[in-house]
């Protein structure tokens, strides 16, 4: 989805404010915001279809090269700012560290091999996490998003830290994910994501937005397993990724979100923006 086509939809929406036109504009902007992740998933599917075992370059290494090149192009062409790239890099690193730990625990496996890897984890996997951070950061800019009323930042930071730590500690002690699920609702239920697909704002509760985004990420997980880019022992007879991974992505989205807000602080407002939000 190009910036030009999004601009055209914006003009059409301004001329004809129909529900169908607004929906098309929102979907177009979401696709544009998720462009990095869409390109990575497309590369995963394409390489699965065409790659041959006797080719001199391993499929995983080709995905790393593609991801790095895509990131460079995004920054070069202004699709991502340097500030966004910094926070995306942070989430990339934290995601890769967790991948190394989870792989050692047998949580999932990478059936192929490559040279560009750390601890058995192909380096393109970090870009899958980076694509989540990229989507959040680009959405804030593209939709001119404001978060209000926003809870105290230190509380959100502690929640994100607890979620991230629990991904490690639940292998050795109690899994507190249900407590963390409840904490996300208690802390963020009043927070609306105010976004501007055109001139007029819309609002959606932050946990609802995270739930919908987690479902899309769960679908992306299934694309990864159907192409045997990574595999789970818990997939069962249906071949679908265990629904528990949906919950994991929901929680991880809050880690990504708080990481992004380390840089994008202007989007957070402690008080409601206006008394009568138009919600979807």
C-alpha atoms as a PDB file:
ATOM      1  CA  UNK A   1       0.000   0.000   0.000  1.00  0.00           C
ATOM      2  CA  UNK A   2       1.641   3.250  -1.108  1.00  0.00           C
ATOM      3  CA  UNK A   3       1.395   6.650   0.495  1.00  0.00           C
ATOM      4  CA  UNK A   4      -0.233   7.929  -2.716  1.00  0.00           C
ATOM      5  CA  UNK A   5      -3.064   5.402  -2.593  1.00  0.00           C
ATOM      6  CA  UNK A   6      -3.670   6.170   1.088  1.00  0.00           C
ATOM      7  CA  UNK A   7      -3.793   9.876   0.234  1.00  0.00           C
ATOM      8  CA  UNK A   8      -6.321   9.169  -2.511  1.00  0.00           C
ATOM      9  CA  UNK A   9      -8.512   7.268  -0.063  1.00  0.00           C
ATOM     10  CA  UNK A  10      -8.258  10.176   2.380  1.00  0.00           C
ATOM     11  CA  UNK A  11      -9.492  12.585  -0.287  1.00  0.00           C
ATOM     12  CA  UNK A  12     -12.333  10.268  -1.260  1.00  0.00           C
ATOM     13  CA  UNK A  13     -13.324   9.864   2.387  1.00  0.00           C
ATOM     14  CA  UNK A  14     -13.394  13.635   2.823  1.00  0.00           C
ATOM     15  CA  UNK A  15     -15.629  13.950  -0.261  1.00  0.00           C
ATOM     16  CA  UNK A  16     -17.890  10.982   0.548  1.00  0.00           C
ATOM     17  CA  UNK A  17     -17.897  10.136   4.277  1.00  0.00           C
ATOM     18  CA  UNK A  18     -19.537   6.711   3.884  1.00  0.00           C
ATOM     19  CA  UNK A  19     -19.014   3.829   6.306  1.00  0.00           C
ATOM     20  CA  UNK A  20     -17.575   1.709   3.503  1.00  0.00           C
ATOM     21  CA  UNK A  21     -15.152   4.442   2.495  1.00  0.00           C
ATOM     22  CA  UNK A  22     -14.039   4.932   6.093  1.00  0.00           C
ATOM     23  CA  UNK A  23     -13.499   1.202   6.542  1.00  0.00           C
ATOM     24  CA  UNK A  24     -11.438   1.042   3.354  1.00  0.00           C
ATOM     25  CA  UNK A  25      -9.326   3.968   4.502  1.00  0.00           C
ATOM     26  CA  UNK A  26      -8.697   2.422   7.923  1.00  0.00           C
ATOM     27  CA  UNK A  27      -7.716  -0.932   6.408  1.00  0.00           C
ATOM     28  CA  UNK A  28      -5.451   0.786   3.886  1.00  0.00           C
ATOM     29  CA  UNK A  29      -3.643   2.700   6.608  1.00  0.00           C
ATOM     30  CA  UNK A  30      -3.336  -0.407   8.793  1.00  0.00           C
ATOM     31  CA  UNK A  31      -1.772  -2.274   5.873  1.00  0.00           C
ATOM     32  CA  UNK A  32       0.582   0.637   5.244  1.00  0.00           C
ATOM     33  CA  UNK A  33       1.566   0.733   8.926  1.00  0.00           C
ATOM     34  CA  UNK A  34       2.153  -3.040   8.882  1.00  0.00           C
ATOM     35  CA  UNK A  35       4.163  -2.893   5.649  1.00  0.00           C
ATOM     36  CA  UNK A  36       7.387  -4.153   7.231  1.00  0.00           C
ATOM     37  CA  UNK A  37       5.693  -7.216   8.720  1.00  0.00           C
ATOM     38  CA  UNK A  38       3.748  -7.880   5.498  1.00  0.00           C
ATOM     39  CA  UNK A  39       6.986  -7.855   3.499  1.00  0.00           C
ATOM     40  CA  UNK A  40       8.694 -10.227   5.950  1.00  0.00           C
ATOM     41  CA  UNK A  41       5.745 -12.658   5.876  1.00  0.00           C
ATOM     42  CA  UNK A  42       5.652 -12.459   2.080  1.00  0.00           C
ATOM     43  CA  UNK A  43       9.356 -13.322   1.969  1.00  0.00           C
ATOM     44  CA  UNK A  44       8.757 -16.280   4.303  1.00  0.00           C
ATOM     45  CA  UNK A  45       6.022 -17.651   2.036  1.00  0.00           C
ATOM     46  CA  UNK A  46       7.911 -17.005  -1.205  1.00  0.00           C
ATOM     47  CA  UNK A  47      11.167 -18.567  -0.023  1.00  0.00           C
ATOM     48  CA  UNK A  48       9.291 -21.631   1.199  1.00  0.00           C
ATOM     49  CA  UNK A  49       7.803 -22.085  -2.272  1.00  0.00           C
ATOM     50  CA  UNK A  50      10.913 -21.537  -4.396  1.00  0.00           C
ATOM     51  CA  UNK A  51      13.911 -22.445  -2.205  1.00  0.00           C
ATOM     52  CA  UNK A  52      15.998 -25.490  -3.052  1.00  0.00           C
ATOM     53  CA  UNK A  53      18.205 -27.369  -0.584  1.00  0.00           C
ATOM     54  CA  UNK A  54      21.175 -27.396  -2.960  1.00  0.00           C
ATOM     55  CA  UNK A  55      21.247 -23.608  -3.365  1.00  0.00           C
ATOM     56  CA  UNK A  56      24.500 -22.090  -1.986  1.00  0.00           C
ATOM     57  CA  UNK A  57      22.613 -19.606   0.225  1.00  0.00           C
ATOM     58  CA  UNK A  58      20.501 -21.020   3.044  1.00  0.00           C
ATOM     59  CA  UNK A  59      16.864 -19.926   3.179  1.00  0.00           C
ATOM     60  CA  UNK A  60      17.215 -18.551   6.714  1.00  0.00           C
ATOM     61  CA  UNK A  61      20.250 -16.487   5.692  1.00  0.00           C
ATOM     62  CA  UNK A  62      18.360 -15.132   2.681  1.00  0.00           C
ATOM     63  CA  UNK A  63      15.583 -14.022   5.020  1.00  0.00           C
ATOM     64  CA  UNK A  64      18.128 -12.234   7.228  1.00  0.00           C
ATOM     65  CA  UNK A  65      19.572 -10.401   4.223  1.00  0.00           C
ATOM     66  CA  UNK A  66      16.089  -9.486   2.999  1.00  0.00           C
ATOM     67  CA  UNK A  67      15.066  -8.187   6.446  1.00  0.00           C
ATOM     68  CA  UNK A  68      18.213  -6.073   6.875  1.00  0.00           C
ATOM     69  CA  UNK A  69      17.852  -4.658   3.353  1.00  0.00           C
ATOM     70  CA  UNK A  70      14.186  -3.857   3.969  1.00  0.00           C
ATOM     71  CA  UNK A  71      15.034  -2.054   7.207  1.00  0.00           C
ATOM     72  CA  UNK A  72      17.710   0.018   5.469  1.00  0.00           C
ATOM     73  CA  UNK A  73      15.313   0.954   2.675  1.00  0.00           C
ATOM     74  CA  UNK A  74      12.623   1.952   5.190  1.00  0.00           C
ATOM     75  CA  UNK A  75      14.999   4.371   6.909  1.00  0.00           C
ATOM     76  CA  UNK A  76      16.478   5.619   3.617  1.00  0.00           C
ATOM     77  CA  UNK A  77      13.067   6.322   2.116  1.00  0.00           C
ATOM     78  CA  UNK A  78      11.709   7.903   5.292  1.00  0.00           C
ATOM     79  CA  UNK A  79       9.156   5.153   5.940  1.00  0.00           C
ATOM     80  CA  UNK A  80      10.603   4.945   9.446  1.00  0.00           C
ATOM     81  CA  UNK A  81      12.276   7.724  11.387  1.00  0.00           C
ATOM     82  CA  UNK A  82      15.570   7.282  13.213  1.00  0.00           C
ATOM     83  CA  UNK A  83      13.734   7.612  16.535  1.00  0.00           C
ATOM     84  CA  UNK A  84      11.383   4.793  15.534  1.00  0.00           C
ATOM     85  CA  UNK A  85      14.332   2.706  14.357  1.00  0.00           C
ATOM     86  CA  UNK A  86      16.017   3.059  17.756  1.00  0.00           C
ATOM     87  CA  UNK A  87      13.067   1.728  19.727  1.00  0.00           C
ATOM     88  CA  UNK A  88      12.486  -0.999  17.138  1.00  0.00           C
ATOM     89  CA  UNK A  89      16.112  -2.047  17.628  1.00  0.00           C
ATOM     90  CA  UNK A  90      15.520  -2.349  21.374  1.00  0.00           C
ATOM     91  CA  UNK A  91      12.549  -4.636  20.824  1.00  0.00           C
ATOM     92  CA  UNK A  92      14.538  -6.555  18.216  1.00  0.00           C
ATOM     93  CA  UNK A  93      17.264  -7.268  20.778  1.00  0.00           C
ATOM     94  CA  UNK A  94      14.876  -8.199  23.608  1.00  0.00           C
ATOM     95  CA  UNK A  95      12.960 -10.456  21.196  1.00  0.00           C
ATOM     96  CA  UNK A  96      16.128 -12.211  20.014  1.00  0.00           C
ATOM     97  CA  UNK A  97      17.287 -12.792  23.590  1.00  0.00           C
ATOM     98  CA  UNK A  98      13.938 -14.374  24.423  1.00  0.00           C
ATOM     99  CA  UNK A  99      14.120 -16.491  21.248  1.00  0.00           C
ATOM    100  CA  UNK A 100      17.505 -17.896  22.321  1.00  0.00           C
ATOM    101  CA  UNK A 101      16.155 -18.748  25.768  1.00  0.00           C
ATOM    102  CA  UNK A 102      12.898 -20.272  24.482  1.00  0.00           C
ATOM    103  CA  UNK A 103      14.710 -22.355  21.878  1.00  0.00           C
ATOM    104  CA  UNK A 104      16.971 -23.769  24.599  1.00  0.00           C
ATOM    105  CA  UNK A 105      13.841 -24.652  26.599  1.00  0.00           C
ATOM    106  CA  UNK A 106      12.340 -26.515  23.633  1.00  0.00           C
ATOM    107  CA  UNK A 107       9.377 -24.129  23.321  1.00  0.00           C
ATOM    108  CA  UNK A 108       9.745 -24.195  19.525  1.00  0.00           C
ATOM    109  CA  UNK A 109      12.249 -25.217  16.894  1.00  0.00           C
ATOM    110  CA  UNK A 110      13.784 -23.997  13.640  1.00  0.00           C
ATOM    111  CA  UNK A 111      13.964 -27.075  11.385  1.00  0.00           C
ATOM    112  CA  UNK A 112      16.371 -25.572   8.830  1.00  0.00           C
ATOM    113  CA  UNK A 113      19.876 -24.253   9.334  1.00  0.00           C
ATOM    114  CA  UNK A 114      21.876 -21.199   8.346  1.00  0.00           C
ATOM    115  CA  UNK A 115      25.070 -19.354   9.117  1.00  0.00           C
ATOM    116  CA  UNK A 116      23.557 -16.083  10.329  1.00  0.00           C
ATOM    117  CA  UNK A 117      22.294 -17.268  13.717  1.00  0.00           C
ATOM    118  CA  UNK A 118      22.975 -16.971  17.443  1.00  0.00           C
ATOM    119  CA  UNK A 119      22.417 -19.909  19.776  1.00  0.00           C
ATOM    120  CA  UNK A 120      20.610 -21.780  17.024  1.00  0.00           C
ATOM    121  CA  UNK A 121      18.221 -18.850  16.436  1.00  0.00           C
ATOM    122  CA  UNK A 122      18.303 -17.422  12.882  1.00  0.00           C
ATOM    123  CA  UNK A 123      18.769 -13.669  13.038  1.00  0.00           C
ATOM    124  CA  UNK A 124      15.697 -12.956  10.911  1.00  0.00           C
ATOM    125  CA  UNK A 125      13.542 -13.969  13.900  1.00  0.00           C
ATOM    126  CA  UNK A 126      14.416 -10.734  15.660  1.00  0.00           C
ATOM    127  CA  UNK A 127      12.949  -8.851  12.731  1.00  0.00           C
ATOM    128  CA  UNK A 128       9.619 -10.580  13.365  1.00  0.00           C
ATOM    129  CA  UNK A 129       9.562  -8.883  16.764  1.00  0.00           C
ATOM    130  CA  UNK A 130      10.870  -5.676  15.199  1.00  0.00           C
ATOM    131  CA  UNK A 131       7.930  -5.722  12.771  1.00  0.00           C
ATOM    132  CA  UNK A 132       5.567  -5.508  15.760  1.00  0.00           C
ATOM    133  CA  UNK A 133       7.405  -2.480  17.112  1.00  0.00           C
ATOM    134  CA  UNK A 134       7.480  -1.015  13.608  1.00  0.00           C
ATOM    135  CA  UNK A 135       3.712  -1.432  13.261  1.00  0.00           C
ATOM    136  CA  UNK A 136       3.016   0.312  16.565  1.00  0.00           C
ATOM    137  CA  UNK A 137       5.432   3.176  15.918  1.00  0.00           C
ATOM    138  CA  UNK A 138       4.253   3.716  12.321  1.00  0.00           C
ATOM    139  CA  UNK A 139       0.582   3.497  13.360  1.00  0.00           C
ATOM    140  CA  UNK A 140       1.098   6.261  15.919  1.00  0.00           C
ATOM    141  CA  UNK A 141       2.556   8.496  13.209  1.00  0.00           C
ATOM    142  CA  UNK A 142       0.251   7.525  10.314  1.00  0.00           C
ATOM    143  CA  UNK A 143      -2.983   7.703  12.341  1.00  0.00           C
ATOM    144  CA  UNK A 144      -1.790  10.614  14.536  1.00  0.00           C
ATOM    145  CA  UNK A 145      -2.647   8.421  17.520  1.00  0.00           C
ATOM    146  CA  UNK A 146      -3.171   9.774  21.015  1.00  0.00           C
ATOM    147  CA  UNK A 147      -3.584   7.598  24.117  1.00  0.00           C
ATOM    148  CA  UNK A 148      -5.936   9.006  26.734  1.00  0.00           C
ATOM    149  CA  UNK A 149      -6.466   8.823  29.603  1.00  0.00           C
ATOM    150  CA  UNK A 150      -3.024   7.266  30.030  1.00  0.00           C
ATOM    151  CA  UNK A 151      -2.056   5.626  33.351  1.00  0.00           C
ATOM    152  CA  UNK A 152       1.131   6.619  35.204  1.00  0.00           C
ATOM    153  CA  UNK A 153       4.092   5.670  33.047  1.00  0.00           C
ATOM    154  CA  UNK A 154       5.947   3.923  35.864  1.00  0.00           C
ATOM    155  CA  UNK A 155       3.012   1.529  36.288  1.00  0.00           C
ATOM    156  CA  UNK A 156       3.026   0.649  32.587  1.00  0.00           C
ATOM    157  CA  UNK A 157       6.789   0.105  32.705  1.00  0.00           C
ATOM    158  CA  UNK A 158       6.524  -2.256  35.703  1.00  0.00           C
ATOM    159  CA  UNK A 159       3.729  -4.194  33.994  1.00  0.00           C
ATOM    160  CA  UNK A 160       5.760  -4.590  30.785  1.00  0.00           C
ATOM    161  CA  UNK A 161       8.782  -5.684  32.822  1.00  0.00           C
ATOM    162  CA  UNK A 162       6.702  -8.244  34.752  1.00  0.00           C
ATOM    163  CA  UNK A 163       5.299  -9.641  31.493  1.00  0.00           C
ATOM    164  CA  UNK A 164       8.742  -9.952  29.946  1.00  0.00           C
ATOM    165  CA  UNK A 165      10.255 -11.576  33.038  1.00  0.00           C
ATOM    166  CA  UNK A 166       7.356 -14.053  33.286  1.00  0.00           C
ATOM    167  CA  UNK A 167       8.190 -15.353  29.801  1.00  0.00           C
ATOM    168  CA  UNK A 168      11.402 -16.632  31.397  1.00  0.00           C
ATOM    169  CA  UNK A 169      10.469 -17.466  34.975  1.00  0.00           C
ATOM    170  CA  UNK A 170       7.342 -19.520  34.217  1.00  0.00           C
ATOM    171  CA  UNK A 171       9.660 -22.344  33.124  1.00  0.00           C
ATOM    172  CA  UNK A 172      10.948 -22.626  36.695  1.00  0.00           C
ATOM    173  CA  UNK A 173       8.140 -21.337  38.918  1.00  0.00           C
ATOM    174  CA  UNK A 174       4.476 -20.310  38.740  1.00  0.00           C
ATOM    175  CA  UNK A 175       3.107 -18.868  35.516  1.00  0.00           C
ATOM    176  CA  UNK A 176       1.345 -15.634  36.489  1.00  0.00           C
ATOM    177  CA  UNK A 177      -0.015 -14.841  33.048  1.00  0.00           C
ATOM    178  CA  UNK A 178      -3.618 -14.767  34.303  1.00  0.00           C
ATOM    179  CA  UNK A 179      -2.618 -12.135  36.842  1.00  0.00           C
ATOM    180  CA  UNK A 180      -0.891 -10.230  34.042  1.00  0.00           C
ATOM    181  CA  UNK A 181      -3.984 -10.493  31.813  1.00  0.00           C
ATOM    182  CA  UNK A 182      -6.033  -8.975  34.625  1.00  0.00           C
ATOM    183  CA  UNK A 183      -3.408  -6.281  35.178  1.00  0.00           C
ATOM    184  CA  UNK A 184      -3.585  -5.155  31.550  1.00  0.00           C
ATOM    185  CA  UNK A 185      -7.359  -4.737  31.877  1.00  0.00           C
ATOM    186  CA  UNK A 186      -7.199  -2.928  35.215  1.00  0.00           C
ATOM    187  CA  UNK A 187      -4.439  -0.582  34.120  1.00  0.00           C
ATOM    188  CA  UNK A 188      -5.450   0.160  30.530  1.00  0.00           C
ATOM    189  CA  UNK A 189      -9.223  -0.375  30.299  1.00  0.00           C
ATOM    190  CA  UNK A 190      -9.966   3.349  30.544  1.00  0.00           C
ATOM    191  CA  UNK A 191      -7.288   4.174  27.975  1.00  0.00           C
ATOM    192  CA  UNK A 192      -8.579   4.841  24.486  1.00  0.00           C
ATOM    193  CA  UNK A 193      -6.523   4.704  21.343  1.00  0.00           C
ATOM    194  CA  UNK A 194      -7.579   7.906  19.597  1.00  0.00           C
ATOM    195  CA  UNK A 195      -6.784   7.661  15.904  1.00  0.00           C
ATOM    196  CA  UNK A 196      -7.505   9.852  12.909  1.00  0.00           C
ATOM    197  CA  UNK A 197      -8.141   7.864   9.704  1.00  0.00           C
ATOM    198  CA  UNK A 198      -9.249  11.132   8.096  1.00  0.00           C
ATOM    199  CA  UNK A 199     -10.351  14.408   9.693  1.00  0.00           C
ATOM    200  CA  UNK A 200     -12.583  13.046  12.450  1.00  0.00           C
ATOM    201  CA  UNK A 201     -11.172  10.933  15.289  1.00  0.00           C
ATOM    202  CA  UNK A 202     -12.273   7.456  16.301  1.00  0.00           C
ATOM    203  CA  UNK A 203     -11.483   5.668  19.553  1.00  0.00           C
ATOM    204  CA  UNK A 204     -11.024   2.082  20.677  1.00  0.00           C
ATOM    205  CA  UNK A 205     -10.101   0.794  24.115  1.00  0.00           C
ATOM    206  CA  UNK A 206      -6.436  -0.141  24.268  1.00  0.00           C
ATOM    207  CA  UNK A 207      -6.966  -3.746  25.517  1.00  0.00           C
ATOM    208  CA  UNK A 208      -9.487  -4.312  22.705  1.00  0.00           C
ATOM    209  CA  UNK A 209      -6.965  -3.051  20.177  1.00  0.00           C
ATOM    210  CA  UNK A 210      -4.325  -5.335  21.673  1.00  0.00           C
ATOM    211  CA  UNK A 211      -6.723  -8.303  21.498  1.00  0.00           C
ATOM    212  CA  UNK A 212      -7.433  -7.724  17.800  1.00  0.00           C
ATOM    213  CA  UNK A 213      -3.744  -7.216  17.038  1.00  0.00           C
ATOM    214  CA  UNK A 214      -2.847 -10.409  18.908  1.00  0.00           C
ATOM    215  CA  UNK A 215      -5.272 -12.351  16.729  1.00  0.00           C
ATOM    216  CA  UNK A 216      -3.531 -11.073  13.589  1.00  0.00           C
ATOM    217  CA  UNK A 217      -0.166 -12.051  15.060  1.00  0.00           C
ATOM    218  CA  UNK A 218      -1.519 -15.513  15.857  1.00  0.00           C
ATOM    219  CA  UNK A 219      -2.466 -15.831  12.180  1.00  0.00           C
ATOM    220  CA  UNK A 220       1.081 -14.767  11.271  1.00  0.00           C
ATOM    221  CA  UNK A 221       2.370 -17.486  13.622  1.00  0.00           C
ATOM    222  CA  UNK A 222       0.369 -20.045  11.680  1.00  0.00           C
ATOM    223  CA  UNK A 223       1.832 -18.777   8.419  1.00  0.00           C
ATOM    224  CA  UNK A 224       5.268 -19.348   9.904  1.00  0.00           C
ATOM    225  CA  UNK A 225       4.451 -22.911  10.946  1.00  0.00           C
ATOM    226  CA  UNK A 226       2.598 -23.854   7.746  1.00  0.00           C
ATOM    227  CA  UNK A 227       5.723 -22.824   5.820  1.00  0.00           C
ATOM    228  CA  UNK A 228       7.832 -24.765   8.345  1.00  0.00           C
ATOM    229  CA  UNK A 229       9.883 -21.677   9.095  1.00  0.00           C
ATOM    230  CA  UNK A 230       9.496 -22.627  12.754  1.00  0.00           C
ATOM    231  CA  UNK A 231       7.561 -25.442  14.433  1.00  0.00           C
ATOM    232  CA  UNK A 232       5.834 -26.226  17.737  1.00  0.00           C
ATOM    233  CA  UNK A 233       5.377 -29.599  19.359  1.00  0.00           C
ATOM    234  CA  UNK A 234       1.998 -28.462  20.721  1.00  0.00           C
ATOM    235  CA  UNK A 235       0.314 -27.839  17.349  1.00  0.00           C
ATOM    236  CA  UNK A 236      -1.738 -31.049  17.517  1.00  0.00           C
ATOM    237  CA  UNK A 237      -3.673 -32.753  14.737  1.00  0.00           C
ATOM    238  CA  UNK A 238      -5.136 -29.543  13.295  1.00  0.00           C
ATOM    239  CA  UNK A 239      -1.706 -28.116  12.559  1.00  0.00           C
ATOM    240  CA  UNK A 240      -2.786 -24.815  14.120  1.00  0.00           C
ATOM    241  CA  UNK A 241      -0.596 -23.045  16.628  1.00  0.00           C
ATOM    242  CA  UNK A 242      -1.830 -23.601  20.174  1.00  0.00           C
ATOM    243  CA  UNK A 243      -4.313 -20.915  21.216  1.00  0.00           C
ATOM    244  CA  UNK A 244      -2.085 -20.228  24.210  1.00  0.00           C
ATOM    245  CA  UNK A 245       0.276 -18.451  21.814  1.00  0.00           C
ATOM    246  CA  UNK A 246      -2.545 -15.997  21.166  1.00  0.00           C
ATOM    247  CA  UNK A 247      -2.410 -15.045  24.839  1.00  0.00           C
ATOM    248  CA  UNK A 248       1.372 -14.798  24.682  1.00  0.00           C
ATOM    249  CA  UNK A 249       1.183 -12.361  21.798  1.00  0.00           C
ATOM    250  CA  UNK A 250      -1.459 -10.330  23.611  1.00  0.00           C
ATOM    251  CA  UNK A 251       0.898  -9.901  26.553  1.00  0.00           C
ATOM    252  CA  UNK A 252       3.949  -9.340  24.381  1.00  0.00           C
ATOM    253  CA  UNK A 253       2.127  -6.522  22.601  1.00  0.00           C
ATOM    254  CA  UNK A 254       2.118  -4.584  25.860  1.00  0.00           C
ATOM    255  CA  UNK A 255       5.876  -5.066  26.125  1.00  0.00           C
ATOM    256  CA  UNK A 256       6.238  -3.753  22.561  1.00  0.00           C
ATOM    257  CA  UNK A 257       3.827  -0.895  23.227  1.00  0.00           C
ATOM    258  CA  UNK A 258       5.580   0.309  26.379  1.00  0.00           C
ATOM    259  CA  UNK A 259       8.933  -0.021  24.600  1.00  0.00           C
ATOM    260  CA  UNK A 260       7.668   2.263  21.838  1.00  0.00           C
ATOM    261  CA  UNK A 261       6.368   4.793  24.370  1.00  0.00           C
ATOM    262  CA  UNK A 262       9.903   5.166  25.714  1.00  0.00           C
ATOM    263  CA  UNK A 263      10.413   7.364  22.658  1.00  0.00           C
ATOM    264  CA  UNK A 264       6.892   8.413  21.615  1.00  0.00           C
ATOM    265  CA  UNK A 265       5.968  10.196  24.824  1.00  0.00           C
ATOM    266  CA  UNK A 266       3.965  13.033  23.240  1.00  0.00           C
ATOM    267  CA  UNK A 267       1.142  10.638  22.321  1.00  0.00           C
ATOM    268  CA  UNK A 268       0.275   9.924  25.950  1.00  0.00           C
ATOM    269  CA  UNK A 269      -2.228  12.129  27.775  1.00  0.00           C
ATOM    270  CA  UNK A 270      -3.222  11.670  31.432  1.00  0.00           C
ATOM    271  CA  UNK A 271      -6.737  13.037  30.875  1.00  0.00           C
ATOM    272  CA  UNK A 272      -9.476  12.177  28.355  1.00  0.00           C
ATOM    273  CA  UNK A 273      -9.223  14.151  25.110  1.00  0.00           C
ATOM    274  CA  UNK A 274     -12.970  14.866  24.894  1.00  0.00           C
ATOM    275  CA  UNK A 275     -16.052  13.738  26.841  1.00  0.00           C
ATOM    276  CA  UNK A 276     -17.931  11.908  24.045  1.00  0.00           C
ATOM    277  CA  UNK A 277     -15.578   9.537  22.226  1.00  0.00           C
ATOM    278  CA  UNK A 278     -16.773   7.867  19.038  1.00  0.00           C
ATOM    279  CA  UNK A 279     -15.725   4.276  19.614  1.00  0.00           C
ATOM    280  CA  UNK A 280     -15.489   1.279  17.297  1.00  0.00           C
END
